[in-house]
Protein backbone atom coordinates (compact mmCIF):
# COMPACT_ATOMS: atom_id res chain seq x y z
CA MET A 1 99.13 14.59 -135.98
CA LYS A 2 99.72 17.79 -137.88
CA LYS A 3 101.52 17.01 -141.16
CA ILE A 4 101.26 14.22 -143.74
CA LEU A 5 103.76 13.71 -146.54
CA VAL A 6 102.65 11.95 -149.73
CA PRO A 7 105.50 11.05 -152.10
CA THR A 8 104.17 10.85 -155.66
CA ASP A 9 105.26 9.74 -159.08
CA PHE A 10 101.79 10.62 -160.45
CA SER A 11 100.96 6.91 -160.92
CA SER A 12 97.44 5.71 -160.13
CA CYS A 13 98.68 4.06 -156.93
CA ALA A 14 100.29 7.32 -155.80
CA ILE A 15 97.03 9.13 -156.58
CA ASN A 16 95.23 6.57 -154.36
CA ALA A 17 97.64 7.41 -151.54
CA LEU A 18 97.00 11.12 -152.04
CA ASP A 19 93.25 10.49 -152.04
CA PHE A 20 93.59 8.62 -148.72
CA ALA A 21 95.45 11.61 -147.25
CA LEU A 22 92.91 14.08 -148.64
CA GLN A 23 89.91 12.14 -147.36
CA SER A 24 91.63 11.73 -143.99
CA ALA A 25 92.05 15.51 -143.85
CA ARG A 26 88.27 15.71 -143.57
CA TYR A 27 88.58 13.98 -140.17
CA LEU A 28 92.04 15.08 -139.08
CA PRO A 29 93.25 18.67 -138.92
CA VAL A 30 96.40 18.13 -140.99
CA GLU A 31 98.58 19.81 -143.59
CA ILE A 32 99.21 17.68 -146.66
CA HIS A 33 102.58 17.91 -148.38
CA VAL A 34 103.17 16.23 -151.74
CA LEU A 35 106.71 15.41 -152.81
CA TYR A 36 107.82 14.52 -156.31
CA VAL A 37 111.36 13.22 -156.61
CA TYR A 38 113.05 13.69 -159.94
CA GLU A 39 116.21 11.66 -159.69
CA THR A 40 118.89 12.80 -162.09
CA HIS A 41 121.29 10.30 -163.57
CA GLN A 42 124.42 12.20 -164.42
CA ASP A 43 127.15 11.32 -166.89
CA LEU A 44 130.29 13.45 -166.76
CA TYR A 45 130.86 13.58 -170.51
CA THR A 46 127.29 14.40 -171.57
CA ASP A 47 127.01 16.87 -168.70
CA TYR A 48 130.29 18.49 -169.77
CA VAL A 49 129.09 19.08 -173.31
CA GLY A 50 125.67 20.16 -172.05
CA LEU A 51 123.58 17.38 -173.61
CA ASN A 52 121.89 16.21 -170.42
CA LYS A 53 121.60 19.55 -168.67
CA GLU A 54 118.99 21.04 -171.00
CA PHE A 55 117.00 17.79 -171.14
CA ARG A 56 116.99 17.52 -167.33
CA LEU A 57 115.83 21.13 -167.02
CA VAL A 58 112.91 20.41 -169.37
CA LEU A 59 111.91 17.29 -167.38
CA GLN A 60 112.27 19.18 -164.10
CA SER A 61 110.07 21.97 -165.44
CA GLU A 62 107.45 19.44 -166.58
CA ALA A 63 107.46 17.83 -163.14
CA GLN A 64 106.94 21.22 -161.48
CA GLU A 65 104.05 21.93 -163.86
CA LYS A 66 102.44 18.61 -162.90
CA LEU A 67 102.79 19.48 -159.21
CA ASP A 68 101.31 22.94 -159.80
CA HIS A 69 98.39 21.42 -161.73
CA LEU A 70 97.79 18.83 -159.00
CA LYS A 71 97.83 21.55 -156.31
CA LYS A 72 95.35 23.70 -158.23
CA GLU A 73 93.06 20.75 -158.99
CA VAL A 74 93.00 19.53 -155.36
CA GLU A 75 92.43 22.99 -153.92
CA GLU A 76 89.56 23.68 -156.37
CA LYS A 77 87.85 20.26 -156.13
CA GLU A 78 88.51 19.31 -152.51
CA GLY A 79 88.92 22.71 -150.86
CA ILE A 80 92.05 21.42 -149.13
CA MET A 81 95.32 23.34 -149.21
CA LEU A 82 98.17 21.31 -150.68
CA TYR A 83 101.88 22.04 -150.25
CA THR A 84 104.09 20.73 -153.06
CA HIS A 85 107.80 19.99 -153.14
CA LEU A 86 110.21 18.90 -155.87
CA SER A 87 113.52 17.21 -155.10
CA LEU A 88 116.41 16.22 -157.34
CA ARG A 89 118.09 13.92 -154.83
CA PRO A 90 117.67 10.13 -154.50
CA PHE A 91 114.16 9.05 -153.47
CA ALA A 92 114.66 7.73 -149.92
CA GLU A 93 117.08 10.53 -149.10
CA SER A 94 114.58 13.13 -150.36
CA VAL A 95 111.65 11.73 -148.41
CA LEU A 96 113.61 11.39 -145.16
CA GLU A 97 115.20 14.83 -145.53
CA ILE A 98 111.95 16.69 -146.17
CA SER A 99 110.21 14.68 -143.41
CA ASP A 100 112.80 15.90 -140.92
CA GLU A 101 112.82 19.44 -142.30
CA LEU A 102 109.04 19.84 -142.14
CA HIS A 103 108.49 17.76 -138.97
CA ILE A 104 106.22 15.32 -140.83
CA ASP A 105 104.12 13.04 -138.59
CA LEU A 106 103.04 10.44 -141.16
CA ILE A 107 104.13 9.35 -144.63
CA VAL A 108 101.34 7.99 -146.85
CA MET A 109 102.40 6.25 -150.03
CA GLY A 110 101.28 3.64 -152.51
CA THR A 111 102.48 0.08 -152.76
CA LEU A 112 103.53 0.41 -156.39
CA GLY A 113 104.75 3.27 -158.48
CA ALA A 114 105.33 3.95 -162.13
CA SER A 115 108.43 1.76 -162.18
CA GLY A 116 106.54 -1.22 -163.61
CA LEU A 117 107.29 -3.62 -160.77
CA LYS A 118 103.70 -4.79 -160.53
CA GLU A 119 104.69 -8.37 -159.74
CA LYS A 120 105.94 -7.27 -156.32
CA ILE A 121 103.74 -6.81 -153.27
CA LEU A 122 105.54 -3.62 -152.31
CA GLY A 123 107.38 -1.44 -154.76
CA SER A 124 111.12 -1.37 -154.21
CA ARG A 125 111.07 2.32 -153.23
CA THR A 126 108.31 1.76 -150.68
CA ALA A 127 110.07 -1.24 -149.13
CA ASN A 128 113.39 0.62 -149.04
CA LEU A 129 111.84 3.63 -147.33
CA ILE A 130 110.04 1.50 -144.74
CA GLY A 131 113.40 0.08 -143.72
CA LYS A 132 114.96 3.53 -143.27
CA SER A 133 112.21 5.75 -141.85
CA ARG A 134 111.75 6.67 -138.20
CA ILE A 135 108.36 8.17 -139.14
CA PRO A 136 105.32 5.90 -139.44
CA ILE A 137 104.50 4.98 -143.04
CA LEU A 138 100.98 4.11 -144.09
CA VAL A 139 101.05 2.06 -147.29
CA ILE A 140 97.95 2.23 -149.48
CA PRO A 141 97.28 -0.82 -151.70
CA TYR A 142 97.00 -0.41 -155.44
CA PHE A 143 93.27 -1.22 -155.64
CA TYR A 144 92.25 0.58 -152.44
CA ILE A 145 89.10 2.69 -152.61
CA TRP A 146 88.65 5.24 -149.81
CA LYS A 147 86.41 4.53 -146.88
CA LYS A 148 86.74 5.85 -143.37
CA PRO A 149 88.98 3.44 -141.44
CA GLU A 150 87.03 1.38 -138.92
CA LYS A 151 89.82 -0.91 -137.66
CA PHE A 152 93.55 -0.43 -137.34
CA LEU A 153 96.05 -3.27 -136.98
CA LEU A 154 99.47 -2.67 -135.46
CA ALA A 155 102.01 -5.44 -136.07
CA THR A 156 105.08 -4.76 -133.96
CA ASN A 157 107.96 -6.15 -131.98
CA GLN A 158 109.07 -2.81 -130.50
CA PHE A 159 106.57 -1.70 -127.86
CA GLU A 160 109.28 -0.93 -125.36
CA ASN A 161 111.44 0.93 -127.89
CA GLU A 162 108.93 3.26 -129.58
CA PRO A 163 106.13 4.41 -127.24
CA ALA A 164 105.64 7.54 -129.38
CA ILE A 165 104.38 5.36 -132.23
CA LEU A 166 101.68 3.98 -129.96
CA ASP A 167 100.63 7.46 -128.83
CA PHE A 168 100.42 8.56 -132.47
CA LEU A 169 98.46 5.48 -133.48
CA PHE A 170 95.97 5.68 -130.60
CA GLU A 171 95.42 9.38 -131.32
CA THR A 172 94.72 8.58 -134.98
CA VAL A 173 92.38 5.71 -134.05
CA ASP A 174 90.47 8.06 -131.74
CA LEU A 175 90.16 10.75 -134.42
CA PHE A 176 88.63 8.22 -136.82
CA MET A 177 86.53 6.72 -133.99
CA ALA A 178 87.88 3.31 -135.00
CA GLN A 179 88.93 0.09 -133.25
CA MET A 180 92.52 -0.96 -132.58
CA GLN A 181 93.94 -4.47 -132.82
CA VAL A 182 97.55 -5.36 -132.03
CA ILE A 183 99.78 -8.27 -133.03
CA VAL A 184 103.09 -8.60 -131.22
CA PHE A 185 105.87 -10.58 -132.86
CA THR A 186 108.53 -11.86 -130.51
CA GLU A 187 111.26 -14.47 -130.42
CA GLU A 188 110.62 -15.18 -126.73
């Protein structure tokens, strides 16, 4: 494993996911990439008269400042280099595109974001991305507090279809010196 992508919306759950990636970087020799997606909602009329354009540029600039501040803070406090990215495309599209572009090995993200959907187990963006990604996604619960992983659980029904996932998982388990447990779901 060489590269981890952490999508963020700067919520506390996203910060937990970043913390998991940062603490993991103490055990794994990885690059950590943080992605903030600023989705623009365009309206032809207001865009035509320029009302939304300036406002979007201000919000985009603020998002970049937050990323820059996060990068500086992490590098000073943790001593870990952070790569930041800002995208203006839809969330899932942005994450999948940058994952392919950068050859990301693992996506680490929180269960809930700033969208206020706290009654759900998984945020809608997280669940949507899990259904579309070919890259393993590690989902960090809202109240998770870092500790070195001691046991991994793989729930799967695709052993025969994705052996690369198993190689990746066993490599990660070895790096953490952890145990591996497997549950296989099948209709047979």
